Amino acid sequence: MTKALRPSGEAPAAKDVSGAEDRPRPASGMNPAETAQYVAEFSAELAYLARKANLDLLAYLLDMARLEAIRTVQSGSKDD
């Protein structure tokens, strides 16, 4: 069974991602440091999945996003 293709750039609906209904979603009222922390954690999980599927370039890019998010969190904590 195949799924209908989505227009490029459109994120999958929560029902299309296994386990997505169980995952906490970031609140829209989060500050930038909290959002960056969430992105760091989520991109680490996605990079792991990509690596397991031998999607090396995708895993690398997700790791870069994770590192940038961590850098943002750390630079935000230095401003306090």
PDB file of N, CA and C in Angstrom:
ATOM      1  N   MET A   1       0.842  -1.181   0.000  1.00  0.00           N
ATOM      2  CA  MET A   1       0.000   0.000   0.000  1.00  0.00           C
ATOM      3  C   MET A   1       0.883   1.239   0.000  1.00  0.00           C
ATOM      4  N   THR A   2       0.629   2.184  -0.842  1.00  0.00           N
ATOM      5  CA  THR A   2       1.428   3.397  -0.910  1.00  0.00           C
ATOM      6  C   THR A   2       0.611   4.571  -0.434  1.00  0.00           C
ATOM      7  N   LYS A   3       1.328   5.556   0.090  1.00  0.00           N
ATOM      8  CA  LYS A   3       0.666   6.775   0.547  1.00  0.00           C
ATOM      9  C   LYS A   3       0.706   7.805  -0.568  1.00  0.00           C
ATOM     10  N   ALA A   4      -0.271   8.675  -0.595  1.00  0.00           N
ATOM     11  CA  ALA A   4      -0.284   9.751  -1.567  1.00  0.00           C
ATOM     12  C   ALA A   4       0.894  10.677  -1.303  1.00  0.00           C
ATOM     13  N   LEU A   5       1.496  11.168  -2.358  1.00  0.00           N
ATOM     14  CA  LEU A   5       2.628  12.079  -2.207  1.00  0.00           C
ATOM     15  C   LEU A   5       2.140  13.441  -1.748  1.00  0.00           C
ATOM     16  N   ARG A   6       2.919  14.075  -0.924  1.00  0.00           N
ATOM     17  CA  ARG A   6       2.611  15.422  -0.445  1.00  0.00           C
ATOM     18  C   ARG A   6       3.361  16.435  -1.284  1.00  0.00           C
ATOM     19  N   PRO A   7       2.839  17.641  -1.363  1.00  0.00           N
ATOM     20  CA  PRO A   7       3.612  18.690  -2.015  1.00  0.00           C
ATOM     21  C   PRO A   7       4.929  18.872  -1.259  1.00  0.00           C
ATOM     22  N   SER A   8       5.978  19.167  -1.972  1.00  0.00           N
ATOM     23  CA  SER A   8       7.296  19.297  -1.347  1.00  0.00           C
ATOM     24  C   SER A   8       7.276  20.396  -0.287  1.00  0.00           C
ATOM     25  N   GLY A   9       7.952  20.132   0.822  1.00  0.00           N
ATOM     26  CA  GLY A   9       8.047  21.101   1.903  1.00  0.00           C
ATOM     27  C   GLY A   9       6.956  20.986   2.940  1.00  0.00           C
ATOM     28  N   GLU A  10       5.943  20.174   2.692  1.00  0.00           N
ATOM     29  CA  GLU A  10       4.850  20.027   3.655  1.00  0.00           C
ATOM     30  C   GLU A  10       5.207  18.944   4.658  1.00  0.00           C
ATOM     31  N   ALA A  11       5.092  19.249   5.915  1.00  0.00           N
ATOM     32  CA  ALA A  11       5.415  18.278   6.962  1.00  0.00           C
ATOM     33  C   ALA A  11       4.347  17.202   7.017  1.00  0.00           C
ATOM     34  N   PRO A  12       4.745  15.978   7.400  1.00  0.00           N
ATOM     35  CA  PRO A  12       3.744  14.926   7.509  1.00  0.00           C
ATOM     36  C   PRO A  12       2.776  15.212   8.650  1.00  0.00           C
ATOM     37  N   ALA A  13       1.554  14.784   8.476  1.00  0.00           N
ATOM     38  CA  ALA A  13       0.559  14.931   9.536  1.00  0.00           C
ATOM     39  C   ALA A  13       0.940  14.019  10.688  1.00  0.00           C
ATOM     40  N   ALA A  14       0.510  14.362  11.887  1.00  0.00           N
ATOM     41  CA  ALA A  14       0.852  13.568  13.066  1.00  0.00           C
ATOM     42  C   ALA A  14       0.415  12.119  12.906  1.00  0.00           C
ATOM     43  N   LYS A  15      -0.699  11.878  12.252  1.00  0.00           N
ATOM     44  CA  LYS A  15      -1.181  10.510  12.084  1.00  0.00           C
ATOM     45  C   LYS A  15      -0.298   9.700  11.148  1.00  0.00           C
ATOM     46  N   ASP A  16       0.528  10.375  10.306  1.00  0.00           N
ATOM     47  CA  ASP A  16       1.411   9.697   9.365  1.00  0.00           C
ATOM     48  C   ASP A  16       2.740   9.282   9.983  1.00  0.00           C
ATOM     49  N   VAL A  17       3.044   9.774  11.158  1.00  0.00           N
ATOM     50  CA  VAL A  17       4.321   9.490  11.806  1.00  0.00           C
ATOM     51  C   VAL A  17       4.053   8.572  12.982  1.00  0.00           C
ATOM     52  N   SER A  18       4.639   7.370  12.951  1.00  0.00           N
ATOM     53  CA  SER A  18       4.355   6.420  14.031  1.00  0.00           C
ATOM     54  C   SER A  18       4.872   6.958  15.354  1.00  0.00           C
ATOM     55  N   GLY A  19       4.042   6.883  16.364  1.00  0.00           N
ATOM     56  CA  GLY A  19       4.412   7.355  17.691  1.00  0.00           C
ATOM     57  C   GLY A  19       4.272   8.853  17.873  1.00  0.00           C
ATOM     58  N   ALA A  20       3.927   9.589  16.824  1.00  0.00           N
ATOM     59  CA  ALA A  20       3.867  11.046  16.924  1.00  0.00           C
ATOM     60  C   ALA A  20       2.794  11.506  17.900  1.00  0.00           C
ATOM     61  N   GLU A  21       1.719  10.725  18.020  1.00  0.00           N
ATOM     62  CA  GLU A  21       0.656  11.142  18.931  1.00  0.00           C
ATOM     63  C   GLU A  21       1.098  11.047  20.385  1.00  0.00           C
ATOM     64  N   ASP A  22       2.132  10.243  20.670  1.00  0.00           N
ATOM     65  CA  ASP A  22       2.635  10.094  22.030  1.00  0.00           C
ATOM     66  C   ASP A  22       3.689  11.133  22.382  1.00  0.00           C
ATOM     67  N   ARG A  23       4.274  11.756  21.377  1.00  0.00           N
ATOM     68  CA  ARG A  23       5.388  12.686  21.590  1.00  0.00           C
ATOM     69  C   ARG A  23       4.848  14.056  22.003  1.00  0.00           C
ATOM     70  N   PRO A  24       5.423  14.642  23.071  1.00  0.00           N
ATOM     71  CA  PRO A  24       4.977  15.977  23.463  1.00  0.00           C
ATOM     72  C   PRO A  24       5.350  16.993  22.391  1.00  0.00           C
ATOM     73  N   ARG A  25       4.455  17.897  22.126  1.00  0.00           N
ATOM     74  CA  ARG A  25       4.720  18.935  21.135  1.00  0.00           C
ATOM     75  C   ARG A  25       5.156  20.201  21.859  1.00  0.00           C
ATOM     76  N   PRO A  26       6.064  20.951  21.244  1.00  0.00           N
ATOM     77  CA  PRO A  26       6.502  22.177  21.898  1.00  0.00           C
ATOM     78  C   PRO A  26       5.367  23.193  21.962  1.00  0.00           C
ATOM     79  N   ALA A  27       5.268  23.858  23.070  1.00  0.00           N
ATOM     80  CA  ALA A  27       4.246  24.890  23.221  1.00  0.00           C
ATOM     81  C   ALA A  27       4.665  26.115  22.413  1.00  0.00           C
ATOM     82  N   SER A  28       3.707  26.799  21.854  1.00  0.00           N
ATOM     83  CA  SER A  28       4.032  27.966  21.041  1.00  0.00           C
ATOM     84  C   SER A  28       4.615  29.090  21.887  1.00  0.00           C
ATOM     85  N   GLY A  29       4.444  29.033  23.200  1.00  0.00           N
ATOM     86  CA  GLY A  29       4.959  30.068  24.076  1.00  0.00           C
ATOM     87  C   GLY A  29       6.368  29.811  24.582  1.00  0.00           C
ATOM     88  N   MET A  30       7.074  28.842  23.977  1.00  0.00           N
ATOM     89  CA  MET A  30       8.436  28.537  24.432  1.00  0.00           C
ATOM     90  C   MET A  30       9.381  29.650  24.023  1.00  0.00           C
ATOM     91  N   ASN A  31      10.376  29.893  24.870  1.00  0.00           N
ATOM     92  CA  ASN A  31      11.387  30.887  24.513  1.00  0.00           C
ATOM     93  C   ASN A  31      12.400  30.254  23.564  1.00  0.00           C
ATOM     94  N   PRO A  32      13.274  31.049  22.939  1.00  0.00           N
ATOM     95  CA  PRO A  32      14.220  30.507  21.964  1.00  0.00           C
ATOM     96  C   PRO A  32      15.135  29.409  22.519  1.00  0.00           C
ATOM     97  N   ALA A  33      15.585  29.531  23.756  1.00  0.00           N
ATOM     98  CA  ALA A  33      16.461  28.510  24.341  1.00  0.00           C
ATOM     99  C   ALA A  33      15.714  27.192  24.524  1.00  0.00           C
ATOM    100  N   GLU A  34      14.465  27.258  24.964  1.00  0.00           N
ATOM    101  CA  GLU A  34      13.660  26.048  25.128  1.00  0.00           C
ATOM    102  C   GLU A  34      13.375  25.389  23.780  1.00  0.00           C
ATOM    103  N   THR A  35      13.105  26.209  22.782  1.00  0.00           N
ATOM    104  CA  THR A  35      12.863  25.682  21.442  1.00  0.00           C
ATOM    105  C   THR A  35      14.116  25.017  20.901  1.00  0.00           C
ATOM    106  N   ALA A  36      15.274  25.651  21.091  1.00  0.00           N
ATOM    107  CA  ALA A  36      16.538  25.072  20.631  1.00  0.00           C
ATOM    108  C   ALA A  36      16.828  23.762  21.350  1.00  0.00           C
ATOM    109  N   GLN A  37      16.520  23.679  22.633  1.00  0.00           N
ATOM    110  CA  GLN A  37      16.719  22.434  23.377  1.00  0.00           C
ATOM    111  C   GLN A  37      15.833  21.329  22.818  1.00  0.00           C
ATOM    112  N   TYR A  38      14.594  21.649  22.516  1.00  0.00           N
ATOM    113  CA  TYR A  38      13.668  20.684  21.927  1.00  0.00           C
ATOM    114  C   TYR A  38      14.183  20.214  20.566  1.00  0.00           C
ATOM    115  N   VAL A  39      14.644  21.152  19.740  1.00  0.00           N
ATOM    116  CA  VAL A  39      15.170  20.806  18.422  1.00  0.00           C
ATOM    117  C   VAL A  39      16.396  19.905  18.562  1.00  0.00           C
ATOM    118  N   ALA A  40      17.260  20.190  19.524  1.00  0.00           N
ATOM    119  CA  ALA A  40      18.459  19.375  19.747  1.00  0.00           C
ATOM    120  C   ALA A  40      18.075  17.935  20.083  1.00  0.00           C
ATOM    121  N   GLU A  41      17.128  17.769  20.968  1.00  0.00           N
ATOM    122  CA  GLU A  41      16.709  16.425  21.377  1.00  0.00           C
ATOM    123  C   GLU A  41      16.017  15.680  20.237  1.00  0.00           C
ATOM    124  N   PHE A  42      15.134  16.358  19.544  1.00  0.00           N
ATOM    125  CA  PHE A  42      14.364  15.705  18.485  1.00  0.00           C
ATOM    126  C   PHE A  42      15.249  15.373  17.290  1.00  0.00           C
ATOM    127  N   SER A  43      16.164  16.290  16.938  1.00  0.00           N
ATOM    128  CA  SER A  43      17.047  16.013  15.803  1.00  0.00           C
ATOM    129  C   SER A  43      18.012  14.874  16.111  1.00  0.00           C
ATOM    130  N   ALA A  44      18.384  14.687  17.387  1.00  0.00           N
ATOM    131  CA  ALA A  44      19.224  13.548  17.761  1.00  0.00           C
ATOM    132  C   ALA A  44      18.479  12.242  17.492  1.00  0.00           C
ATOM    133  N   GLU A  45      17.203  12.194  17.838  1.00  0.00           N
ATOM    134  CA  GLU A  45      16.399  10.999  17.586  1.00  0.00           C
ATOM    135  C   GLU A  45      16.247  10.743  16.086  1.00  0.00           C
ATOM    136  N   LEU A  46      16.004  11.808  15.338  1.00  0.00           N
ATOM    137  CA  LEU A  46      15.852  11.658  13.894  1.00  0.00           C
ATOM    138  C   LEU A  46      17.156  11.218  13.236  1.00  0.00           C
ATOM    139  N   ALA A  47      18.284  11.753  13.699  1.00  0.00           N
ATOM    140  CA  ALA A  47      19.588  11.356  13.160  1.00  0.00           C
ATOM    141  C   ALA A  47      19.834   9.878  13.425  1.00  0.00           C
ATOM    142  N   TYR A  48      19.462   9.414  14.595  1.00  0.00           N
ATOM    143  CA  TYR A  48      19.613   7.997  14.935  1.00  0.00           C
ATOM    144  C   TYR A  48      18.808   7.133  13.962  1.00  0.00           C
ATOM    145  N   LEU A  49      17.558   7.522  13.724  1.00  0.00           N
ATOM    146  CA  LEU A  49      16.711   6.766  12.797  1.00  0.00           C
ATOM    147  C   LEU A  49      17.296   6.778  11.383  1.00  0.00           C
ATOM    148  N   ALA A  50      17.784   7.922  10.951  1.00  0.00           N
ATOM    149  CA  ALA A  50      18.367   8.025   9.617  1.00  0.00           C
ATOM    150  C   ALA A  50      19.606   7.144   9.503  1.00  0.00           C
ATOM    151  N   ARG A  51      20.422   7.139  10.536  1.00  0.00           N
ATOM    152  CA  ARG A  51      21.635   6.312  10.533  1.00  0.00           C
ATOM    153  C   ARG A  51      21.281   4.826  10.454  1.00  0.00           C
ATOM    154  N   LYS A  52      20.256   4.405  11.214  1.00  0.00           N
ATOM    155  CA  LYS A  52      19.825   3.014  11.196  1.00  0.00           C
ATOM    156  C   LYS A  52      19.321   2.600   9.805  1.00  0.00           C
ATOM    157  N   ALA A  53      18.796   3.551   9.043  1.00  0.00           N
ATOM    158  CA  ALA A  53      18.283   3.276   7.703  1.00  0.00           C
ATOM    159  C   ALA A  53      19.347   3.526   6.631  1.00  0.00           C
ATOM    160  N   ASN A  54      20.596   3.713   7.053  1.00  0.00           N
ATOM    161  CA  ASN A  54      21.714   3.976   6.136  1.00  0.00           C
ATOM    162  C   ASN A  54      21.512   5.231   5.290  1.00  0.00           C
ATOM    163  N   LEU A  55      20.858   6.214   5.876  1.00  0.00           N
ATOM    164  CA  LEU A  55      20.681   7.518   5.232  1.00  0.00           C
ATOM    165  C   LEU A  55      21.744   8.459   5.798  1.00  0.00           C
ATOM    166  N   ASP A  56      22.988   8.208   5.372  1.00  0.00           N
ATOM    167  CA  ASP A  56      24.129   8.871   5.992  1.00  0.00           C
ATOM    168  C   ASP A  56      24.125  10.389   5.845  1.00  0.00           C
ATOM    169  N   LEU A  57      23.817  10.883   4.665  1.00  0.00           N
ATOM    170  CA  LEU A  57      23.808  12.334   4.478  1.00  0.00           C
ATOM    171  C   LEU A  57      22.726  12.979   5.332  1.00  0.00           C
ATOM    172  N   LEU A  58      21.560  12.374   5.365  1.00  0.00           N
ATOM    173  CA  LEU A  58      20.476  12.909   6.185  1.00  0.00           C
ATOM    174  C   LEU A  58      20.859  12.884   7.659  1.00  0.00           C
ATOM    175  N   ALA A  59      21.474  11.799   8.111  1.00  0.00           N
ATOM    176  CA  ALA A  59      21.925  11.706   9.503  1.00  0.00           C
ATOM    177  C   ALA A  59      22.940  12.802   9.810  1.00  0.00           C
ATOM    178  N   TYR A  60      23.858  13.034   8.884  1.00  0.00           N
ATOM    179  CA  TYR A  60      24.869  14.084   9.062  1.00  0.00           C
ATOM    180  C   TYR A  60      24.203  15.460   9.187  1.00  0.00           C
ATOM    181  N   LEU A  61      23.274  15.751   8.298  1.00  0.00           N
ATOM    182  CA  LEU A  61      22.604  17.054   8.340  1.00  0.00           C
ATOM    183  C   LEU A  61      21.801  17.233   9.629  1.00  0.00           C
ATOM    184  N   LEU A  62      21.162  16.176  10.077  1.00  0.00           N
ATOM    185  CA  LEU A  62      20.423  16.254  11.340  1.00  0.00           C
ATOM    186  C   LEU A  62      21.372  16.453  12.515  1.00  0.00           C
ATOM    187  N   ASP A  63      22.542  15.822  12.462  1.00  0.00           N
ATOM    188  CA  ASP A  63      23.547  16.044  13.507  1.00  0.00           C
ATOM    189  C   ASP A  63      24.032  17.486  13.506  1.00  0.00           C
ATOM    190  N   MET A  64      24.188  18.076  12.329  1.00  0.00           N
ATOM    191  CA  MET A  64      24.601  19.480  12.242  1.00  0.00           C
ATOM    192  C   MET A  64      23.522  20.385  12.851  1.00  0.00           C
ATOM    193  N   ALA A  65      22.268  20.067  12.582  1.00  0.00           N
ATOM    194  CA  ALA A  65      21.165  20.836  13.172  1.00  0.00           C
ATOM    195  C   ALA A  65      21.185  20.695  14.693  1.00  0.00           C
ATOM    196  N   ARG A  66      21.455  19.472  15.178  1.00  0.00           N
ATOM    197  CA  ARG A  66      21.534  19.234  16.624  1.00  0.00           C
ATOM    198  C   ARG A  66      22.660  20.054  17.246  1.00  0.00           C
ATOM    199  N   LEU A  67      23.831  20.047  16.610  1.00  0.00           N
ATOM    200  CA  LEU A  67      24.966  20.808  17.143  1.00  0.00           C
ATOM    201  C   LEU A  67      24.696  22.307  17.151  1.00  0.00           C
ATOM    202  N   GLU A  68      24.045  22.803  16.120  1.00  0.00           N
ATOM    203  CA  GLU A  68      23.698  24.225  16.078  1.00  0.00           C
ATOM    204  C   GLU A  68      22.690  24.569  17.172  1.00  0.00           C
ATOM    205  N   ALA A  69      21.736  23.695  17.389  1.00  0.00           N
ATOM    206  CA  ALA A  69      20.759  23.929  18.456  1.00  0.00           C
ATOM    207  C   ALA A  69      21.444  23.932  19.820  1.00  0.00           C
ATOM    208  N   ILE A  70      22.376  23.003  20.037  1.00  0.00           N
ATOM    209  CA  ILE A  70      23.112  22.964  21.306  1.00  0.00           C
ATOM    210  C   ILE A  70      23.929  24.239  21.481  1.00  0.00           C
ATOM    211  N   ARG A  71      24.570  24.699  20.394  1.00  0.00           N
ATOM    212  CA  ARG A  71      25.346  25.942  20.460  1.00  0.00           C
ATOM    213  C   ARG A  71      24.442  27.115  20.836  1.00  0.00           C
ATOM    214  N   THR A  72      23.240  27.133  20.300  1.00  0.00           N
ATOM    215  CA  THR A  72      22.287  28.194  20.607  1.00  0.00           C
ATOM    216  C   THR A  72      21.894  28.145  22.081  1.00  0.00           C
ATOM    217  N   VAL A  73      21.640  26.955  22.600  1.00  0.00           N
ATOM    218  CA  VAL A  73      21.289  26.805  24.015  1.00  0.00           C
ATOM    219  C   VAL A  73      22.433  27.286  24.892  1.00  0.00           C
ATOM    220  N   GLN A  74      23.653  26.882  24.560  1.00  0.00           N
ATOM    221  CA  GLN A  74      24.812  27.246  25.377  1.00  0.00           C
ATOM    222  C   GLN A  74      25.094  28.739  25.306  1.00  0.00           C
ATOM    223  N   SER A  75      24.953  29.348  24.147  1.00  0.00           N
ATOM    224  CA  SER A  75      25.199  30.783  24.049  1.00  0.00           C
ATOM    225  C   SER A  75      24.120  31.568  24.762  1.00  0.00           C
ATOM    226  N   GLY A  76      22.903  31.034  24.797  1.00  0.00           N
ATOM    227  CA  GLY A  76      21.821  31.693  25.531  1.00  0.00           C
ATOM    228  C   GLY A  76      22.033  31.644  27.025  1.00  0.00           C
ATOM    229  N   SER A  77      22.622  30.549  27.525  1.00  0.00           N
ATOM    230  CA  SER A  77      22.848  30.433  28.968  1.00  0.00           C
ATOM    231  C   SER A  77      23.991  31.329  29.426  1.00  0.00           C
ATOM    232  N   LYS A  78      24.902  31.685  28.528  1.00  0.00           N
ATOM    233  CA  LYS A  78      26.012  32.582  28.876  1.00  0.00           C
ATOM    234  C   LYS A  78      25.540  34.028  29.029  1.00  0.00           C
ATOM    235  N   ASP A  79      24.405  34.345  28.384  1.00  0.00           N
ATOM    236  CA  ASP A  79      23.873  35.716  28.439  1.00  0.00           C
ATOM    237  C   ASP A  79      23.221  36.017  29.778  1.00  0.00           C
ATOM    238  N   ASP A  80      22.892  34.982  30.554  1.00  0.00           N
ATOM    239  CA  ASP A  80      22.177  35.186  31.830  1.00  0.00           C
ATOM    240  C   ASP A  80      23.022  35.841  32.875  1.00  0.00           C
TER     241      ASP A  80
END
